[in-house]
Amino acid sequence: MKLTLRVWRQKNADADGAMSTYEVDGISPDMSFLEMLDTLNEELILKGEDPVAFDHDCREGICGACSLVINGDAHGPERTTTCQLHMRSFRDGDTIDVEPWRAAAFPVVKDLVVDRSAFDRIIQAGGYITAPTGAAPEAHATPVPKPDADFAFEHAECIGCGACVAACPNGSAMLFTSSKVNHLNVLPQGAPERETRVLDMVAQMDEEGFGGCTLAGECATACPKGIPLMSITGMNKEWLRATRKAGKR
């Protein structure tokens, strides 16, 4: 396959960026999108040019590091992570636009790399349990109803990639935050911080500068792990419950 790539290049956070055009040839349909970018970078290095910086780690759709907007879609045309997107999703001769996540809370570091530490600070605000557990407890020591376990696992699948923010027209992090709140709040181990967790994490999310949620639904459509839109509704209920309870104290 021969492709034309239009890639966002930006030297650093303070520099102005622009799209640069490159031609790549000999691309196998079985390559992943990141392997295609590796091929481009090899060619740039051989020419003595600066390679394109992009985030990646496990390349197995697990870590959430890869974060590209491809032809206007977070992670590209398939519902998967960028590292699991293969070049057979494109045609020979295609022109492909490659950009970083676009959100005020995700400033560009260089080229296609953005700073997603805002997510870390949301987690630090309440995405944990403080009960001392010691050694691993016996598996059946704390019974959890099957529907609650399934609900928790569904939300725990979030890998924190940020596709929800990149896809949202408002740059909202509600789907990410709700997945982290819901998967702990439904479990007995998360009960002690149930109220403070949702209040603190939502407050930190707002402080980070993410946009407000208007339930456009683009976040759930782009999520490679299928976190449902109803997750946001669940967190809103938790927030209202916690707010009312705090007002009675």
Protein backbone atom coordinates (compact mmCIF):
# COMPACT_ATOMS: atom_id res chain seq x y z
CA MET A 1 0.00 0.00 0.00
CA LYS A 2 1.09 3.53 -0.76
CA LEU A 3 -0.33 6.22 1.50
CA THR A 4 -0.20 9.96 1.99
CA LEU A 5 0.02 10.98 5.64
CA ARG A 6 -0.78 14.43 6.93
CA VAL A 7 0.65 14.47 10.45
CA TRP A 8 0.46 17.13 13.14
CA ARG A 9 3.97 18.33 13.98
CA GLN A 10 4.66 20.56 16.98
CA LYS A 11 8.13 21.01 18.43
CA ASN A 12 6.99 21.59 22.00
CA ALA A 13 4.09 22.81 24.10
CA ASP A 14 4.89 26.49 23.44
CA ALA A 15 5.52 26.24 19.69
CA ASP A 16 2.93 26.61 16.96
CA GLY A 17 2.02 23.38 15.20
CA ALA A 18 1.08 22.52 11.63
CA MET A 19 0.22 19.53 9.46
CA SER A 20 3.15 18.04 7.54
CA THR A 21 2.71 15.76 4.54
CA TYR A 22 4.63 12.49 4.07
CA GLU A 23 4.47 9.65 1.56
CA VAL A 24 4.90 6.06 2.76
CA ASP A 25 5.11 3.02 0.50
CA GLY A 26 5.29 -0.73 0.96
CA ILE A 27 2.79 -0.74 3.83
CA SER A 28 1.32 -4.17 4.52
CA PRO A 29 -2.42 -4.41 5.24
CA ASP A 30 -1.47 -6.60 8.21
CA MET A 31 0.56 -3.84 9.86
CA SER A 32 -0.92 -2.06 12.83
CA PHE A 33 -1.31 1.70 12.54
CA LEU A 34 1.59 2.20 14.96
CA GLU A 35 3.80 -0.12 12.90
CA MET A 36 3.00 2.04 9.90
CA LEU A 37 4.15 5.09 11.89
CA ASP A 38 7.29 3.15 12.85
CA THR A 39 7.97 2.72 9.14
CA LEU A 40 7.54 6.43 8.57
CA ASN A 41 9.90 7.24 11.43
CA GLU A 42 12.56 4.86 10.13
CA GLU A 43 12.49 6.72 6.83
CA LEU A 44 12.66 10.11 8.56
CA ILE A 45 15.62 9.03 10.68
CA LEU A 46 17.49 7.77 7.61
CA LYS A 47 16.95 11.19 6.04
CA GLY A 48 18.29 12.89 9.17
CA GLU A 49 14.90 14.33 10.06
CA ASP A 50 13.15 14.38 13.44
CA PRO A 51 10.86 11.35 13.85
CA VAL A 52 7.20 11.81 14.74
CA ALA A 53 6.64 11.56 18.50
CA PHE A 54 3.63 9.47 19.53
CA ASP A 55 2.55 7.64 22.68
CA HIS A 56 2.61 3.84 22.89
CA ASP A 57 3.49 1.10 25.33
CA CYS A 58 1.92 -2.37 25.39
CA ARG A 59 0.56 -2.29 21.81
CA GLU A 60 -2.03 -4.85 22.93
CA GLY A 61 -5.00 -2.57 23.59
CA ILE A 62 -4.55 -2.73 27.35
CA CYS A 63 -2.46 0.19 28.64
CA GLY A 64 -4.32 3.13 27.09
CA ALA A 65 -1.13 4.90 26.03
CA CYS A 66 -1.82 5.19 22.30
CA SER A 67 -3.90 8.27 21.54
CA LEU A 68 -4.39 9.45 17.98
CA VAL A 69 -7.18 11.16 16.11
CA ILE A 70 -7.22 9.50 12.69
CA ASN A 71 -9.25 11.15 9.94
CA GLY A 72 -11.21 12.97 12.61
CA ASP A 73 -12.04 9.90 14.70
CA ALA A 74 -10.50 9.04 18.06
CA HIS A 75 -8.45 5.85 17.47
CA GLY A 76 -9.60 5.76 13.84
CA PRO A 77 -12.44 4.14 11.88
CA GLU A 78 -12.74 0.97 13.98
CA ARG A 79 -13.93 0.70 17.58
CA THR A 80 -10.60 -0.29 19.01
CA THR A 81 -7.38 1.26 20.25
CA THR A 82 -4.93 2.81 17.79
CA CYS A 83 -2.44 0.00 18.38
CA GLN A 84 -5.05 -2.60 17.44
CA LEU A 85 -6.13 -0.72 14.32
CA HIS A 86 -4.71 -2.42 11.21
CA MET A 87 -3.94 -0.92 7.85
CA ARG A 88 -6.49 -3.17 6.14
CA SER A 89 -9.01 -0.61 7.39
CA PHE A 90 -7.60 1.75 4.74
CA ARG A 91 -7.17 1.57 0.97
CA ASP A 92 -4.14 1.91 -1.25
CA GLY A 93 -3.70 5.58 -2.17
CA ASP A 94 -5.62 6.93 0.82
CA THR A 95 -4.75 10.23 2.46
CA ILE A 96 -4.78 9.88 6.25
CA ASP A 97 -4.84 12.77 8.72
CA VAL A 98 -3.15 12.01 12.05
CA GLU A 99 -3.60 14.41 14.97
CA PRO A 100 -3.26 14.36 18.77
CA TRP A 101 -6.16 14.41 21.21
CA ARG A 102 -7.78 17.86 21.11
CA ALA A 103 -8.81 19.10 24.57
CA ALA A 104 -7.83 22.03 26.76
CA ALA A 105 -7.07 19.62 29.61
CA PHE A 106 -4.73 17.58 27.36
CA PRO A 107 -2.00 20.03 26.25
CA VAL A 108 0.29 18.89 23.46
CA VAL A 109 3.79 17.94 24.65
CA LYS A 110 5.27 17.24 21.21
CA ASP A 111 3.76 16.21 17.87
CA LEU A 112 1.13 13.58 18.69
CA VAL A 113 1.95 13.28 22.40
CA VAL A 114 -0.35 14.97 24.90
CA ASP A 115 -0.17 15.38 28.67
CA ARG A 116 -2.94 13.26 30.22
CA SER A 117 -1.86 13.74 33.82
CA ALA A 118 -5.24 15.38 34.47
CA PHE A 119 -6.64 11.84 34.53
CA ASP A 120 -4.08 10.87 37.17
CA ARG A 121 -5.16 13.73 39.39
CA ILE A 122 -8.82 12.73 39.07
CA ILE A 123 -7.86 9.22 40.22
CA GLN A 124 -5.80 10.65 43.07
CA ALA A 125 -8.85 12.58 44.23
CA GLY A 126 -10.81 9.42 45.01
CA GLY A 127 -10.25 6.49 42.68
CA TYR A 128 -9.05 4.14 45.41
CA ILE A 129 -10.08 2.43 48.65
CA THR A 130 -8.39 3.21 51.97
CA ALA A 131 -9.47 0.18 53.99
CA PRO A 132 -6.36 -1.78 55.03
CA THR A 133 -6.69 -5.20 53.43
CA GLY A 134 -3.46 -6.90 54.55
CA ALA A 135 -3.01 -10.19 52.73
CA ALA A 136 -5.36 -11.16 49.93
CA PRO A 137 -8.71 -12.09 51.51
CA GLU A 138 -10.38 -15.43 50.91
CA ALA A 139 -12.31 -15.23 47.66
CA HIS A 140 -15.75 -15.78 49.21
CA ALA A 141 -15.19 -13.73 52.38
CA THR A 142 -17.15 -10.75 50.99
CA PRO A 143 -20.13 -11.88 48.91
CA VAL A 144 -20.87 -9.63 45.93
CA PRO A 145 -24.13 -10.10 43.99
CA LYS A 146 -23.55 -11.19 40.39
CA PRO A 147 -25.21 -8.07 38.85
CA ASP A 148 -22.97 -5.83 40.99
CA ALA A 149 -19.86 -7.79 40.06
CA ASP A 150 -20.73 -7.60 36.36
CA PHE A 151 -21.41 -3.85 36.65
CA ALA A 152 -18.08 -3.28 38.42
CA PHE A 153 -16.11 -5.33 35.86
CA GLU A 154 -17.78 -3.51 32.97
CA HIS A 155 -16.63 -0.14 34.32
CA ALA A 156 -13.22 -1.40 35.43
CA GLU A 157 -12.42 -2.11 31.77
CA CYS A 158 -11.70 1.60 31.23
CA ILE A 159 -8.02 1.95 30.26
CA GLY A 160 -7.87 5.74 30.62
CA CYS A 161 -6.88 6.36 27.01
CA GLY A 162 -8.86 9.61 26.75
CA ALA A 163 -10.75 8.78 23.55
CA CYS A 164 -13.95 9.86 25.30
CA VAL A 165 -12.52 13.35 25.84
CA ALA A 166 -11.13 13.58 22.31
CA ALA A 167 -14.45 12.54 20.76
CA CYS A 168 -16.65 14.77 22.93
CA PRO A 169 -17.58 18.10 21.29
CA ASN A 170 -17.22 19.68 24.74
CA GLY A 171 -14.00 17.94 25.75
CA SER A 172 -15.75 16.36 28.73
CA ALA A 173 -14.22 13.63 30.93
CA MET A 174 -17.52 12.44 32.35
CA LEU A 175 -17.32 8.92 30.88
CA PHE A 176 -13.82 8.37 32.25
CA THR A 177 -14.69 9.75 35.69
CA SER A 178 -17.98 7.87 35.88
CA SER A 179 -16.31 4.57 35.04
CA LYS A 180 -13.83 5.04 37.89
CA VAL A 181 -16.53 6.14 40.35
CA ASN A 182 -19.02 3.42 39.46
CA HIS A 183 -16.73 0.44 39.48
CA LEU A 184 -15.72 1.18 43.09
CA ASN A 185 -18.99 2.55 44.48
CA VAL A 186 -20.96 -0.57 43.66
CA LEU A 187 -18.59 -2.86 45.60
CA PRO A 188 -18.54 -3.36 49.40
CA GLN A 189 -14.86 -2.43 49.50
CA GLY A 190 -15.67 0.99 48.05
CA ALA A 191 -18.56 1.76 50.39
CA PRO A 192 -16.64 3.73 53.08
CA GLU A 193 -15.68 6.49 50.59
CA ARG A 194 -18.80 6.25 48.45
CA GLU A 195 -19.92 9.85 49.00
CA THR A 196 -16.56 11.58 49.24
CA ARG A 197 -15.27 9.69 46.19
CA VAL A 198 -17.83 11.02 43.74
CA LEU A 199 -17.79 14.55 45.15
CA ASP A 200 -13.99 14.81 45.15
CA MET A 201 -13.46 13.22 41.74
CA VAL A 202 -16.10 15.36 40.03
CA ALA A 203 -14.66 18.48 41.69
CA GLN A 204 -11.16 17.58 40.47
CA MET A 205 -12.49 16.90 36.98
CA ASP A 206 -14.02 20.38 36.88
CA GLU A 207 -10.81 21.92 38.25
CA GLU A 208 -8.78 20.33 35.44
CA GLY A 209 -10.72 22.31 32.84
CA PHE A 210 -12.67 19.56 31.12
CA GLY A 211 -15.87 20.66 29.42
CA GLY A 212 -19.38 20.04 30.66
CA CYS A 213 -21.34 16.97 29.56
CA THR A 214 -24.41 17.46 27.35
CA LEU A 215 -24.90 13.72 26.71
CA ALA A 216 -23.94 13.96 23.04
CA GLY A 217 -22.94 10.29 23.28
CA GLU A 218 -19.77 10.58 21.19
CA CYS A 219 -17.71 9.40 24.18
CA ALA A 220 -19.43 6.02 24.39
CA THR A 221 -19.26 5.62 20.61
CA ALA A 222 -15.49 6.18 20.61
CA CYS A 223 -14.67 4.18 23.76
CA PRO A 224 -12.60 1.15 22.69
CA LYS A 225 -13.72 -0.79 25.77
CA GLY A 226 -17.43 -0.15 25.37
CA ILE A 227 -18.08 1.80 28.57
CA PRO A 228 -21.83 2.57 28.27
CA LEU A 229 -23.28 6.08 28.19
CA MET A 230 -25.52 5.12 31.12
CA SER A 231 -22.36 5.14 33.23
CA ILE A 232 -22.65 8.94 33.29
CA THR A 233 -26.26 8.72 34.48
CA GLY A 234 -25.14 6.39 37.25
CA MET A 235 -22.48 8.83 38.42
CA ASN A 236 -24.95 11.72 38.33
CA LYS A 237 -27.21 9.73 40.65
CA GLU A 238 -24.27 9.04 42.96
CA TRP A 239 -23.35 12.73 42.97
CA LEU A 240 -26.91 13.83 43.81
CA ARG A 241 -27.11 11.22 46.55
CA ALA A 242 -23.80 12.35 48.04
CA THR A 243 -24.72 16.04 47.79
CA ARG A 244 -28.02 15.51 49.58
CA LYS A 245 -26.38 13.40 52.26
CA ALA A 246 -23.65 16.01 52.79
CA GLY A 247 -26.33 18.73 53.12
CA LYS A 248 -28.01 16.87 55.96
CA ARG A 249 -24.86 16.75 58.09
